[in-house]
Amino acid sequence: MYRYQDFDRAFLAERNAQFRAQVERRIDGSLTEDEFKPLRLMNGLYLQLHAYMLRVAIPYGSLRSAQMRQLAMISERWDRGYGHFTTRQNIQYNWPELRDVPDMLDALAEVGMHAIQTSGNTVRNVTADHFAGAAADEVADPRPYAELLRQWSTDHPEFQFLPRKFKIAVTGAEADRAVIRAHDIGLQLVEKDGEIGFRVLVGGGLGRTPVIGKVITDFVSEAELLPYVEAILNVYNRFGRRDNKYKARIKITVNEEGIDKIRDEVDAVFERTRNEFTGFGDVLDRIKADFAPPALDEGRETQAYSDAYEQSPVFRSWADTNLTAHRDADHVIVTISLKAHGATPGDATADQMRLMAELAERYGHDELRISHEQNVILPHVHRADLPQVHARLSEAGLGTANVGLASDIIACPGMDYCALATARSIPIAQEIATRVDELKIEHEVGHVQIKISGCINACGHHHVGHIGILGLDRAGVENYQITIGGAAGSDAALGTRTGPGFPAEEIVPAIERILTTYLDLRCDAAETFIEAYRRVGMAPFKTALYDKEQNRDAA
């Protein structure tokens, strides 16, 4: 993993000192809130419904144990003892006092972390596949390229005041675990004639105008990556609309200008400027060295894993849902669920963060990952250690066997915290998870992605959920629209709205009807929810949701 150099440390020290002075001026009244707003947003500080919120960058989702421990300490010393992991692979602190934020930033800098460009109309935190560097299906580790983009984009003078925020995601495999098709730029590592390069997509995004990104080029070489990405930003900065913030994202620019014109403009800038990018190959080589794979354990017996799998149904259930194939057969990727039934999706207490840090240090080569699905990953765990890992996680409320199931719900903070929200997300997610646990059906239902947003901005990615839920305000009453058929991976698709929305007290029974309808109509247990939906279409689900006579008979 990348470790800060003298330049990074000096840069952060100067930046944090500058913001400390700005905070002092806000507190003593020298700056009004309107004057302070653009300054705090440049440092990841938002003003939410009830308090300030600090959004901390976790670039490409990678953490060391020392960083996770520092996040735990910060949550206890300056917040309320927990942090919220987001769909942008960030962590948010929801209750800091303004006077404490400079100290929080200094504490982050001690372990090579910051909150720069987690807000504002700039290039945001670059995200990546949370299984990067470990997945068996990977062409190459995408994180060195994500780090290169992070360094290039940080305080880039040309791109600090873009028409709107700009998000980049990188995946290293054909199986898209980074949702690249819903980003302003999506990068997929590919191999062509023995050379590593990138398929590049542009114009994806969710929010009030959801769009699946379009391929702008099938192959850009490793050496061409930075000049090509900069060419895209250059074109967007010139063509992107600034008259209407709702039409300012690059997805609107691509739609209005057409992908062919955007491609021509990008190619023209690329050809003109590509030779200006000299020396970054050496930088990339140094970065790659920081991401050398760990020396994995060899020759260890895995009988302890086999015995636990055969003898413990609880362990076997967890292993079947929360473990993923590693590039080394004796190791696995462990996904730690932050979605215990009834818990707030994405929240972790300080004690839980410290435990995950300890497990990473002891069993996982000192590596952790945050997923856009709001879970935590131990990417390199030997099979022999899995019984101990599972036992420790279970003691801390982190052993829920539900990754990829109906209770593994992505949810934005909603109206419990967010000033933009029009409805609650967290309580709905909790109620759905509790209900499927009561019914004991989620393992029978199998893989299904439920995603909830508390407003049209879609921070919960509801558009690309197999089942998406959008909370809206209808004349002062919370109302929840349902979409079905979305997907976030290589088969990315936008969900279709089922019909009228449901009041808060009816949304959980509605989701239950969707799941039980799927169980009734699937061909067999191997047919997943999304496969069944694509086969039969909307009609049976719509009937289950809105046919009152049928629903009364079922009750």
Protein backbone atom coordinates (compact mmCIF):
# COMPACT_ATOMS: atom_id res chain seq x y z
CA MET A 1 0.00 0.00 0.00
CA TYR A 2 1.08 3.57 -0.64
CA ARG A 3 2.84 5.27 2.25
CA TYR A 4 3.20 9.01 2.48
CA GLN A 5 6.50 10.62 1.54
CA ASP A 6 7.98 13.85 2.92
CA PHE A 7 6.12 15.82 0.26
CA ASP A 8 2.75 14.32 1.29
CA ARG A 9 3.37 15.05 4.96
CA ALA A 10 4.45 18.64 4.28
CA PHE A 11 1.50 19.20 1.96
CA LEU A 12 -1.02 18.00 4.54
CA ALA A 13 0.61 19.95 7.37
CA GLU A 14 0.36 23.18 5.37
CA ARG A 15 -3.19 22.45 4.22
CA ASN A 16 -4.39 21.59 7.73
CA ALA A 17 -2.77 24.68 9.25
CA GLN A 18 -4.52 26.81 6.66
CA PHE A 19 -7.88 25.26 7.49
CA ARG A 20 -7.26 25.62 11.24
CA ALA A 21 -6.91 29.37 10.71
CA GLN A 22 -10.12 29.41 8.66
CA VAL A 23 -12.00 27.57 11.41
CA GLU A 24 -10.74 30.05 14.01
CA ARG A 25 -12.01 32.92 11.85
CA ARG A 26 -15.41 31.24 11.53
CA ILE A 27 -15.65 30.73 15.29
CA ASP A 28 -14.71 34.31 16.13
CA GLY A 29 -17.15 35.63 13.55
CA SER A 30 -14.64 36.98 11.04
CA LEU A 31 -16.17 34.62 8.47
CA THR A 32 -19.88 34.16 7.95
CA GLU A 33 -21.23 30.68 7.29
CA ASP A 34 -21.71 31.59 3.62
CA GLU A 35 -18.08 32.71 3.39
CA PHE A 36 -16.88 29.65 5.29
CA LYS A 37 -18.88 27.12 3.22
CA PRO A 38 -16.56 26.85 0.18
CA LEU A 39 -13.54 26.64 2.49
CA ARG A 40 -14.95 23.84 4.63
CA LEU A 41 -16.18 21.89 1.60
CA MET A 42 -12.63 21.89 0.21
CA ASN A 43 -11.72 20.01 3.38
CA GLY A 44 -14.59 17.53 3.46
CA LEU A 45 -16.67 19.31 6.09
CA TYR A 46 -20.42 19.44 5.52
CA LEU A 47 -23.23 21.04 7.53
CA GLN A 48 -25.92 18.40 7.96
CA LEU A 49 -29.36 18.53 9.58
CA HIS A 50 -28.14 18.54 13.17
CA ALA A 51 -24.38 19.06 13.13
CA TYR A 52 -21.29 19.27 10.99
CA MET A 53 -20.17 16.08 9.26
CA LEU A 54 -16.57 15.27 8.33
CA ARG A 55 -16.10 12.97 5.33
CA VAL A 56 -12.70 11.28 5.33
CA ALA A 57 -11.20 9.84 2.16
CA ILE A 58 -10.21 6.19 2.05
CA PRO A 59 -8.61 6.16 -1.41
CA TYR A 60 -9.62 3.06 -3.39
CA GLY A 61 -10.92 1.65 -0.10
CA SER A 62 -7.55 0.51 1.27
CA LEU A 63 -6.53 0.77 4.92
CA ARG A 64 -3.78 -0.49 7.19
CA SER A 65 -4.53 -1.57 10.74
CA ALA A 66 -2.89 1.57 12.19
CA GLN A 67 -5.22 3.72 10.08
CA MET A 68 -8.31 1.80 11.20
CA ARG A 69 -7.24 2.17 14.82
CA GLN A 70 -6.82 5.91 14.31
CA LEU A 71 -10.31 6.10 12.83
CA ALA A 72 -11.60 4.35 15.95
CA MET A 73 -9.73 6.78 18.22
CA ILE A 74 -11.08 9.79 16.35
CA SER A 75 -14.64 8.49 16.67
CA GLU A 76 -14.31 8.19 20.44
CA ARG A 77 -12.38 11.37 21.13
CA TRP A 78 -14.24 13.81 18.88
CA ASP A 79 -17.47 12.09 17.82
CA ARG A 80 -19.93 9.61 19.35
CA GLY A 81 -17.92 6.42 19.22
CA TYR A 82 -18.72 5.19 15.74
CA GLY A 83 -18.12 5.92 12.06
CA HIS A 84 -20.24 5.44 8.97
CA PHE A 85 -18.67 3.76 5.92
CA THR A 86 -20.16 5.01 2.66
CA THR A 87 -20.77 3.90 -0.92
CA ARG A 88 -17.79 6.07 -1.94
CA GLN A 89 -15.37 4.00 0.19
CA ASN A 90 -15.17 6.91 2.65
CA ILE A 91 -15.91 7.16 6.36
CA GLN A 92 -18.13 9.88 7.79
CA TYR A 93 -18.21 11.32 11.30
CA ASN A 94 -21.65 12.75 11.91
CA TRP A 95 -21.25 14.74 15.13
CA PRO A 96 -17.94 16.64 15.34
CA GLU A 97 -17.72 20.06 16.95
CA LEU A 98 -16.34 22.66 14.56
CA ARG A 99 -13.54 23.60 16.95
CA ASP A 100 -12.34 19.97 16.97
CA VAL A 101 -12.17 19.42 13.20
CA PRO A 102 -8.59 20.77 12.77
CA ASP A 103 -7.42 18.35 15.47
CA MET A 104 -9.23 15.52 13.69
CA LEU A 105 -7.47 16.40 10.43
CA ASP A 106 -4.09 16.47 12.17
CA ALA A 107 -4.82 13.06 13.70
CA LEU A 108 -5.67 11.72 10.24
CA ALA A 109 -2.44 13.13 8.82
CA GLU A 110 -0.46 11.21 11.45
CA VAL A 111 -1.46 7.97 9.69
CA GLY A 112 -1.44 9.26 6.11
CA MET A 113 -5.10 10.17 5.72
CA HIS A 114 -7.06 13.32 4.89
CA ALA A 115 -10.45 14.73 3.87
CA ILE A 116 -9.34 16.64 0.76
CA GLN A 117 -11.65 16.52 -2.27
CA THR A 118 -14.33 14.48 -0.52
CA SER A 119 -16.60 17.35 -1.50
CA GLY A 120 -16.80 20.16 -4.02
CA ASN A 121 -16.86 20.37 -7.81
CA THR A 122 -13.61 18.53 -8.25
CA VAL A 123 -12.32 14.99 -8.74
CA ARG A 124 -13.60 13.08 -5.72
CA ASN A 125 -12.10 10.09 -3.93
CA VAL A 126 -11.02 7.57 -6.60
CA THR A 127 -12.69 4.24 -5.88
CA ALA A 128 -11.74 0.70 -6.89
CA ASP A 129 -12.69 -2.96 -6.68
CA HIS A 130 -12.66 -3.87 -2.98
CA PHE A 131 -11.12 -7.27 -3.81
CA ALA A 132 -8.19 -5.58 -5.60
CA GLY A 133 -4.88 -7.39 -5.33
CA ALA A 134 -6.52 -10.60 -4.10
CA ALA A 135 -9.28 -11.63 -6.53
CA ALA A 136 -8.74 -14.77 -8.57
CA ASP A 137 -10.27 -13.20 -11.70
CA GLU A 138 -8.13 -10.07 -11.73
CA VAL A 139 -6.18 -8.93 -14.81
CA ALA A 140 -4.05 -6.68 -12.61
CA ASP A 141 -4.32 -4.82 -9.31
CA PRO A 142 -6.17 -1.57 -10.09
CA ARG A 143 -4.99 0.27 -6.97
CA PRO A 144 -1.65 1.58 -8.30
CA TYR A 145 -3.56 3.28 -11.10
CA ALA A 146 -6.12 4.63 -8.66
CA GLU A 147 -3.27 6.02 -6.55
CA LEU A 148 -1.68 7.59 -9.63
CA LEU A 149 -5.00 9.28 -10.40
CA ARG A 150 -5.31 10.42 -6.78
CA GLN A 151 -1.91 12.06 -6.84
CA TRP A 152 -2.54 13.65 -10.25
CA SER A 153 -5.98 15.01 -9.33
CA THR A 154 -5.22 16.34 -5.85
CA ASP A 155 -5.21 20.14 -6.04
CA HIS A 156 -4.93 19.96 -9.83
CA PRO A 157 -5.19 23.69 -10.69
CA GLU A 158 -7.34 23.18 -13.78
CA PHE A 159 -9.91 20.91 -12.17
CA GLN A 160 -10.74 22.45 -8.79
CA PHE A 161 -13.81 24.29 -10.11
CA LEU A 162 -15.45 21.89 -12.54
CA PRO A 163 -19.09 22.32 -13.58
CA ARG A 164 -19.96 19.67 -10.95
CA LYS A 165 -18.37 16.92 -8.88
CA PHE A 166 -16.50 14.24 -10.80
CA LYS A 167 -16.14 10.58 -9.84
CA ILE A 168 -13.70 7.97 -11.18
CA ALA A 169 -13.75 4.23 -10.48
CA VAL A 170 -11.27 1.52 -11.49
CA THR A 171 -11.78 -2.24 -11.68
CA GLY A 172 -9.21 -4.91 -12.44
CA ALA A 173 -11.51 -7.69 -13.59
CA GLU A 174 -14.25 -8.43 -16.07
CA ALA A 175 -16.61 -8.86 -13.12
CA ASP A 176 -17.24 -5.24 -12.27
CA ARG A 177 -17.16 -4.83 -8.48
CA ALA A 178 -16.54 -1.07 -8.64
CA VAL A 179 -19.77 0.01 -10.44
CA ILE A 180 -17.68 1.69 -13.15
CA ARG A 181 -20.71 2.10 -15.42
CA ALA A 182 -22.32 4.50 -12.96
CA HIS A 183 -19.31 6.85 -12.76
CA ASP A 184 -18.26 9.94 -14.67
CA ILE A 185 -15.23 7.93 -15.79
CA GLY A 186 -15.09 4.17 -15.44
CA LEU A 187 -11.81 2.36 -16.07
CA GLN A 188 -11.57 -1.38 -16.64
CA LEU A 189 -8.18 -3.04 -16.82
CA VAL A 190 -7.90 -5.24 -19.91
CA GLU A 191 -5.13 -7.07 -21.72
CA LYS A 192 -4.63 -6.65 -25.46
CA ASP A 193 -1.88 -8.44 -27.38
CA GLY A 194 -0.01 -8.99 -24.14
CA GLU A 195 -0.22 -5.32 -23.10
CA ILE A 196 -2.09 -4.03 -20.06
CA GLY A 197 -4.41 -1.13 -20.71
CA PHE A 198 -7.89 0.23 -20.04
CA ARG A 199 -11.34 0.21 -21.51
CA VAL A 200 -12.69 3.68 -20.74
CA LEU A 201 -16.33 4.59 -20.14
CA VAL A 202 -17.70 8.10 -19.68
CA GLY A 203 -20.97 9.71 -18.73
CA GLY A 204 -22.31 7.29 -16.16
CA GLY A 205 -24.08 8.50 -13.06
CA LEU A 206 -27.17 8.15 -10.92
CA GLY A 207 -29.09 10.96 -9.18
CA ARG A 208 -32.13 12.61 -10.76
CA THR A 209 -30.97 11.61 -14.26
CA PRO A 210 -29.59 8.06 -14.05
CA VAL A 211 -27.39 7.03 -16.99
CA ILE A 212 -25.26 3.98 -17.76
CA GLY A 213 -21.81 5.05 -18.98
CA LYS A 214 -20.78 4.69 -22.61
CA VAL A 215 -17.52 3.26 -23.94
CA ILE A 216 -15.40 6.10 -25.33
CA THR A 217 -12.45 3.87 -26.19
CA ASP A 218 -11.85 0.14 -26.01
CA PHE A 219 -8.17 0.47 -25.22
CA VAL A 220 -5.84 3.07 -23.77
CA SER A 221 -2.38 1.84 -22.82
CA GLU A 222 -0.95 2.20 -19.35
CA ALA A 223 1.37 4.96 -20.61
CA GLU A 224 -1.59 6.85 -22.09
CA LEU A 225 -3.86 6.69 -19.05
CA LEU A 226 -3.13 10.08 -17.50
CA PRO A 227 -3.13 12.15 -20.70
CA TYR A 228 -6.35 10.46 -21.83
CA VAL A 229 -8.15 11.02 -18.51
CA GLU A 230 -6.95 14.61 -18.45
CA ALA A 231 -8.24 15.09 -21.98
CA ILE A 232 -11.70 13.95 -20.84
CA LEU A 233 -11.63 16.39 -17.91
CA ASN A 234 -10.44 19.17 -20.22
CA VAL A 235 -13.36 18.62 -22.61
CA TYR A 236 -15.88 18.37 -19.77
CA ASN A 237 -14.52 21.55 -18.19
CA ARG A 238 -15.12 23.40 -21.47
CA PHE A 239 -18.41 21.84 -22.57
CA GLY A 240 -20.07 21.09 -19.22
CA ARG A 241 -23.00 23.32 -18.37
CA ARG A 242 -22.65 25.86 -15.57
CA ASP A 243 -26.08 27.50 -15.94
CA ASN A 244 -27.98 24.73 -14.16
CA LYS A 245 -26.41 22.47 -11.51
CA TYR A 246 -28.95 19.75 -12.26
CA LYS A 247 -27.64 19.57 -15.82
CA ALA A 248 -23.96 20.07 -15.08
CA ARG A 249 -22.69 16.50 -14.78
CA ILE A 250 -20.74 14.96 -17.67
CA LYS A 251 -23.57 12.50 -18.29
CA ILE A 252 -25.69 15.46 -19.46
CA THR A 253 -22.83 16.79 -21.57
CA VAL A 254 -22.41 13.42 -23.29
CA ASN A 255 -26.15 13.15 -23.86
CA GLU A 256 -26.46 16.67 -25.28
CA GLU A 257 -23.33 16.63 -27.42
CA GLY A 258 -23.36 12.94 -28.32
CA ILE A 259 -20.68 10.37 -27.54
CA ASP A 260 -19.13 10.67 -31.02
CA LYS A 261 -18.53 14.41 -30.68
CA ILE A 262 -17.16 14.00 -27.16
CA ARG A 263 -14.84 11.26 -28.43
CA ASP A 264 -13.59 13.50 -31.25
CA GLU A 265 -12.97 16.38 -28.85
CA VAL A 266 -11.16 14.12 -26.37
CA ASP A 267 -9.02 12.59 -29.12
CA ALA A 268 -8.04 16.07 -30.34
CA VAL A 269 -6.92 17.19 -26.88
CA PHE A 270 -5.20 13.86 -26.28
CA GLU A 271 -3.18 14.05 -29.48
CA ARG A 272 -2.19 17.63 -28.73
CA THR A 273 -1.11 17.09 -25.12
CA ARG A 274 -0.04 13.45 -24.76
CA ASN A 275 3.65 14.26 -25.26
CA GLU A 276 3.55 16.69 -22.35
CA PHE A 277 3.23 13.79 -19.94
CA THR A 278 6.81 12.76 -19.32
CA GLY A 279 8.24 11.06 -16.31
CA PHE A 280 5.04 9.75 -14.80
CA GLY A 281 6.02 6.22 -15.85
CA ASP A 282 8.74 6.34 -13.20
CA VAL A 283 6.18 7.58 -10.68
CA LEU A 284 3.86 4.70 -11.57
CA ASP A 285 6.70 2.19 -11.16
CA ARG A 286 7.39 3.54 -7.67
CA ILE A 287 3.70 3.35 -6.82
CA LYS A 288 3.47 -0.23 -8.09
CA ALA A 289 6.31 -1.19 -5.76
CA ASP A 290 4.18 0.01 -2.84
CA PHE A 291 1.46 -2.42 -3.88
CA ALA A 292 3.61 -5.52 -4.14
CA PRO A 293 1.51 -8.52 -3.04
CA PRO A 294 2.15 -9.80 0.48
CA ALA A 295 4.21 -12.91 1.12
CA LEU A 296 1.40 -15.39 1.64
CA ASP A 297 1.61 -18.24 4.13
CA GLU A 298 2.71 -21.47 2.51
CA GLY A 299 2.58 -25.07 3.61
CA ARG A 300 0.01 -24.65 6.39
CA GLU A 301 -2.62 -27.29 6.97
CA THR A 302 -6.24 -26.28 6.33
CA GLN A 303 -7.83 -29.11 8.32
CA ALA A 304 -9.13 -26.68 10.96
CA TYR A 305 -11.21 -24.97 8.29
CA SER A 306 -12.53 -28.28 6.93
CA ASP A 307 -13.45 -29.48 10.41
CA ALA A 308 -15.27 -26.26 11.28
CA TYR A 309 -17.12 -26.31 7.97
CA GLU A 310 -18.30 -29.88 8.51
CA GLN A 311 -19.13 -29.60 12.21
CA SER A 312 -20.57 -26.09 12.66
CA PRO A 313 -23.68 -25.04 10.69
CA VAL A 314 -23.17 -21.45 11.83
CA PHE A 315 -19.62 -21.36 10.51
CA ARG A 316 -20.65 -23.12 7.30
CA SER A 317 -23.39 -20.56 6.66
CA TRP A 318 -20.91 -17.72 7.16
CA ALA A 319 -18.31 -19.39 4.94
CA ASP A 320 -20.84 -19.93 2.16
CA THR A 321 -21.92 -16.27 2.05
CA ASN A 322 -19.01 -14.16 3.32
CA LEU A 323 -15.98 -15.79 1.69
CA THR A 324 -14.75 -15.23 -1.88
CA ALA A 325 -12.14 -17.10 -3.91
CA HIS A 326 -8.57 -15.78 -3.59
CA ARG A 327 -5.88 -16.01 -6.25
CA ASP A 328 -4.15 -18.47 -3.90
CA ALA A 329 -6.25 -21.57 -3.18
CA ASP A 330 -5.19 -21.77 0.48
CA HIS A 331 -6.37 -18.21 1.14
CA VAL A 332 -9.77 -16.52 0.90
CA ILE A 333 -11.18 -13.02 0.84
CA VAL A 334 -13.31 -12.38 3.93
CA THR A 335 -16.14 -9.87 3.76
CA ILE A 336 -17.10 -8.60 7.20
CA SER A 337 -20.77 -7.67 7.22
CA LEU A 338 -21.63 -4.31 8.77
CA LYS A 339 -25.28 -5.27 8.32
CA ALA A 340 -26.27 -7.25 11.39
CA HIS A 341 -30.06 -7.62 11.30
CA GLY A 342 -31.56 -4.40 12.62
CA ALA A 343 -28.25 -2.51 12.63
CA THR A 344 -27.51 0.71 10.72
CA PRO A 345 -25.93 -0.30 7.38
CA GLY A 346 -22.31 0.82 7.21
CA ASP A 347 -21.88 1.82 10.86
CA ALA A 348 -19.00 0.44 12.93
CA THR A 349 -18.25 1.23 16.56
CA ALA A 350 -14.79 2.14 17.78
CA ASP A 351 -14.45 -1.29 19.41
CA GLN A 352 -15.47 -3.01 16.18
CA MET A 353 -12.95 -0.95 14.20
CA ARG A 354 -10.19 -1.88 16.63
CA LEU A 355 -11.12 -5.55 16.37
CA MET A 356 -11.02 -5.44 12.56
CA ALA A 357 -7.61 -3.76 12.78
CA GLU A 358 -6.38 -6.50 15.10
CA LEU A 359 -7.65 -9.25 12.80
CA ALA A 360 -6.00 -7.61 9.80
CA GLU A 361 -2.72 -7.34 11.65
CA ARG A 362 -2.81 -10.89 12.98
CA TYR A 363 -4.44 -12.82 10.15
CA GLY A 364 -4.64 -10.56 7.09
CA HIS A 365 -1.18 -9.19 6.27
CA ASP A 366 -2.15 -5.80 7.72
CA GLU A 367 -4.64 -5.01 4.95
CA LEU A 368 -8.29 -3.94 5.09
CA ARG A 369 -10.62 -2.73 2.37
CA ILE A 370 -13.85 -0.78 2.49
CA SER A 371 -16.40 -1.79 -0.13
CA HIS A 372 -18.89 0.47 -1.88
CA GLU A 373 -21.42 -1.97 -0.44
CA GLN A 374 -20.59 -0.57 3.03
CA ASN A 375 -18.80 -3.64 4.33
CA VAL A 376 -15.17 -4.25 5.36
CA ILE A 377 -12.85 -6.73 3.67
CA LEU A 378 -9.91 -8.81 4.92
CA PRO A 379 -8.38 -9.61 1.51
CA HIS A 380 -5.74 -12.22 2.45
CA VAL A 381 -6.79 -14.74 5.13
CA HIS A 382 -5.45 -18.27 5.28
CA ARG A 383 -8.11 -20.95 5.50
CA ALA A 384 -6.52 -22.33 8.66
CA ASP A 385 -7.29 -19.05 10.47
CA LEU A 386 -10.93 -18.77 9.47
CA PRO A 387 -12.45 -20.45 12.55
CA GLN A 388 -10.63 -18.01 14.85
CA VAL A 389 -11.53 -15.03 12.64
CA HIS A 390 -15.19 -16.04 12.58
CA ALA A 391 -15.30 -16.56 16.35
CA ARG A 392 -13.82 -13.14 17.06
CA LEU A 393 -16.13 -11.43 14.59
CA SER A 394 -19.18 -13.16 16.05
CA GLU A 395 -18.30 -12.01 19.56
CA ALA A 396 -18.27 -8.41 18.30
CA GLY A 397 -21.53 -8.57 16.35
CA LEU A 398 -19.69 -8.74 13.03
CA GLY A 399 -20.27 -12.38 12.14
CA THR A 400 -23.59 -12.08 10.32
CA ALA A 401 -23.76 -14.51 7.40
CA ASN A 402 -25.63 -12.30 4.96
CA VAL A 403 -23.22 -10.85 2.37
CA GLY A 404 -25.10 -10.53 -0.92
CA LEU A 405 -28.42 -11.47 0.67
CA ALA A 406 -31.60 -9.47 1.29
CA SER A 407 -30.42 -7.95 4.57
CA ASP A 408 -27.07 -6.80 3.12
CA ILE A 409 -28.73 -3.52 2.19
CA ILE A 410 -26.97 -0.44 0.85
CA ALA A 411 -28.50 2.66 2.44
CA CYS A 412 -27.65 6.34 2.49
CA PRO A 413 -27.94 8.25 5.83
CA GLY A 414 -31.28 9.67 4.73
CA MET A 415 -33.29 12.10 6.78
CA ASP A 416 -31.70 10.99 10.03
CA TYR A 417 -28.65 13.07 9.09
CA CYS A 418 -28.68 14.53 5.58
CA ALA A 419 -29.96 18.03 4.88
CA LEU A 420 -30.86 17.03 1.32
CA ALA A 421 -32.90 13.95 2.22
CA THR A 422 -36.66 13.86 1.76
CA ALA A 423 -37.28 10.56 3.58
CA ARG A 424 -35.64 8.16 5.99
CA SER A 425 -33.43 5.37 4.72
CA ILE A 426 -31.84 3.83 7.80
CA PRO A 427 -35.05 2.80 9.64
CA ILE A 428 -36.47 1.25 6.45
CA ALA A 429 -33.29 -0.77 5.91
CA GLN A 430 -33.36 -1.91 9.53
CA GLU A 431 -37.01 -2.96 9.29
CA ILE A 432 -36.49 -4.90 6.05
CA ALA A 433 -33.46 -6.72 7.48
CA THR A 434 -35.33 -7.54 10.68
CA ARG A 435 -38.32 -8.83 8.74
CA VAL A 436 -36.39 -11.16 6.43
CA ASP A 437 -34.60 -12.51 9.50
CA GLU A 438 -37.94 -13.17 11.19
CA LEU A 439 -39.21 -14.97 8.10
CA LYS A 440 -35.98 -16.98 7.79
CA ILE A 441 -36.10 -16.71 4.01
CA GLU A 442 -33.00 -14.76 2.99
CA HIS A 443 -30.78 -17.80 2.49
CA GLU A 444 -33.57 -19.40 0.47
CA VAL A 445 -33.97 -16.22 -1.59
CA GLY A 446 -30.20 -16.07 -2.14
CA HIS A 447 -28.38 -13.31 -3.95
CA VAL A 448 -30.38 -10.11 -4.22
CA GLN A 449 -29.23 -6.52 -3.94
CA ILE A 450 -31.59 -4.12 -2.16
CA LYS A 451 -30.53 -0.47 -2.22
CA ILE A 452 -32.21 2.51 -0.58
CA SER A 453 -31.85 6.26 -1.14
CA GLY A 454 -33.52 8.93 0.94
CA CYS A 455 -33.73 11.41 -1.93
CA ILE A 456 -33.34 11.76 -5.67
CA ASN A 457 -29.55 12.25 -5.37
CA ALA A 458 -29.28 8.43 -5.11
CA CYS A 459 -26.38 8.08 -2.68
CA GLY A 460 -27.81 4.64 -1.89
CA HIS A 461 -27.49 3.58 -5.57
CA HIS A 462 -31.16 2.56 -5.70
CA HIS A 463 -31.29 2.85 -9.51
CA VAL A 464 -28.91 -0.11 -9.87
CA GLY A 465 -30.39 -2.29 -7.15
CA HIS A 466 -32.10 -5.54 -8.07
CA ILE A 467 -34.72 -3.97 -5.83
CA GLY A 468 -34.36 -0.22 -5.47
CA ILE A 469 -36.19 2.00 -3.00
CA LEU A 470 -36.40 5.78 -3.32
CA GLY A 471 -37.77 7.81 -0.43
CA LEU A 472 -39.63 10.98 -1.36
CA ASP A 473 -41.75 13.63 0.31
CA ARG A 474 -45.39 13.66 -0.80
CA ALA A 475 -47.18 16.64 0.80
CA GLY A 476 -45.23 16.19 4.00
CA VAL A 477 -45.60 12.40 4.09
CA GLU A 478 -42.77 9.95 3.37
CA ASN A 479 -43.49 7.88 0.27
CA TYR A 480 -41.30 5.13 -1.15
CA GLN A 481 -41.04 4.24 -4.83
CA ILE A 482 -39.84 0.77 -5.82
CA THR A 483 -37.80 -0.16 -8.88
CA ILE A 484 -36.94 -3.69 -9.96
CA GLY A 485 -34.36 -5.02 -12.38
CA GLY A 486 -31.40 -2.74 -11.82
CA ALA A 487 -27.86 -4.11 -11.73
CA ALA A 488 -24.49 -2.63 -10.80
CA GLY A 489 -21.95 -5.01 -12.32
CA SER A 490 -20.86 -5.91 -15.81
CA ASP A 491 -24.55 -6.34 -16.68
CA ALA A 492 -25.33 -2.84 -15.39
CA ALA A 493 -28.92 -1.72 -15.87
CA LEU A 494 -31.32 0.81 -14.45
CA GLY A 495 -34.30 -0.51 -12.57
CA THR A 496 -37.88 -0.03 -13.77
CA ARG A 497 -40.41 1.68 -11.53
CA THR A 498 -43.16 -0.69 -10.42
CA GLY A 499 -45.89 1.94 -10.07
CA PRO A 500 -47.19 4.21 -7.29
CA GLY A 501 -45.12 4.54 -4.15
CA PHE A 502 -45.89 3.17 -0.70
CA PRO A 503 -46.17 4.95 2.66
CA ALA A 504 -43.54 4.08 5.25
CA GLU A 505 -45.76 1.58 7.07
CA GLU A 506 -46.38 -0.37 3.85
CA ILE A 507 -42.93 -0.52 2.28
CA VAL A 508 -41.64 -3.52 4.26
CA PRO A 509 -44.69 -5.70 3.43
CA ALA A 510 -44.27 -4.63 -0.20
CA ILE A 511 -40.65 -5.85 -0.27
CA GLU A 512 -41.76 -9.07 1.40
CA ARG A 513 -44.32 -9.63 -1.39
CA ILE A 514 -41.63 -9.13 -4.03
CA LEU A 515 -39.35 -11.70 -2.40
CA THR A 516 -42.05 -14.31 -1.86
CA THR A 517 -43.28 -13.81 -5.44
CA TYR A 518 -39.77 -14.58 -6.65
CA LEU A 519 -39.69 -17.78 -4.58
CA ASP A 520 -42.98 -18.85 -6.14
CA LEU A 521 -42.00 -18.22 -9.75
CA ARG A 522 -38.33 -19.16 -10.01
CA CYS A 523 -37.46 -22.22 -12.06
CA ASP A 524 -35.31 -23.73 -9.34
CA ALA A 525 -33.05 -22.72 -6.46
CA ALA A 526 -30.22 -21.95 -8.88
CA GLU A 527 -32.16 -19.17 -10.64
CA THR A 528 -31.32 -15.90 -8.92
CA PHE A 529 -33.73 -13.05 -8.35
CA ILE A 530 -32.37 -10.93 -11.19
CA GLU A 531 -32.34 -13.91 -13.56
CA ALA A 532 -35.97 -14.69 -12.73
CA TYR A 533 -36.98 -11.06 -13.21
CA ARG A 534 -35.31 -10.91 -16.62
CA ARG A 535 -37.12 -14.09 -17.62
CA VAL A 536 -40.66 -13.22 -16.50
CA GLY A 537 -40.61 -9.42 -16.50
CA MET A 538 -42.45 -6.98 -14.28
CA ALA A 539 -46.03 -8.32 -14.49
CA PRO A 540 -46.09 -10.89 -11.64
CA PHE A 541 -44.28 -8.52 -9.27
CA LYS A 542 -46.64 -5.68 -10.13
CA THR A 543 -49.61 -7.93 -9.47
CA ALA A 544 -48.17 -8.93 -6.11
CA LEU A 545 -47.61 -5.30 -5.17
CA TYR A 546 -50.87 -3.73 -6.31
CA ASP A 547 -53.57 -6.42 -6.59
CA LYS A 548 -55.41 -5.73 -3.33
CA GLU A 549 -57.73 -8.72 -3.61
CA GLN A 550 -54.83 -11.13 -4.07
CA ASN A 551 -52.90 -9.55 -1.21
CA ARG A 552 -55.94 -9.79 1.10
CA ASP A 553 -56.35 -13.48 0.26
CA ALA A 554 -52.65 -14.10 0.90
CA ALA A 555 -52.92 -12.37 4.28
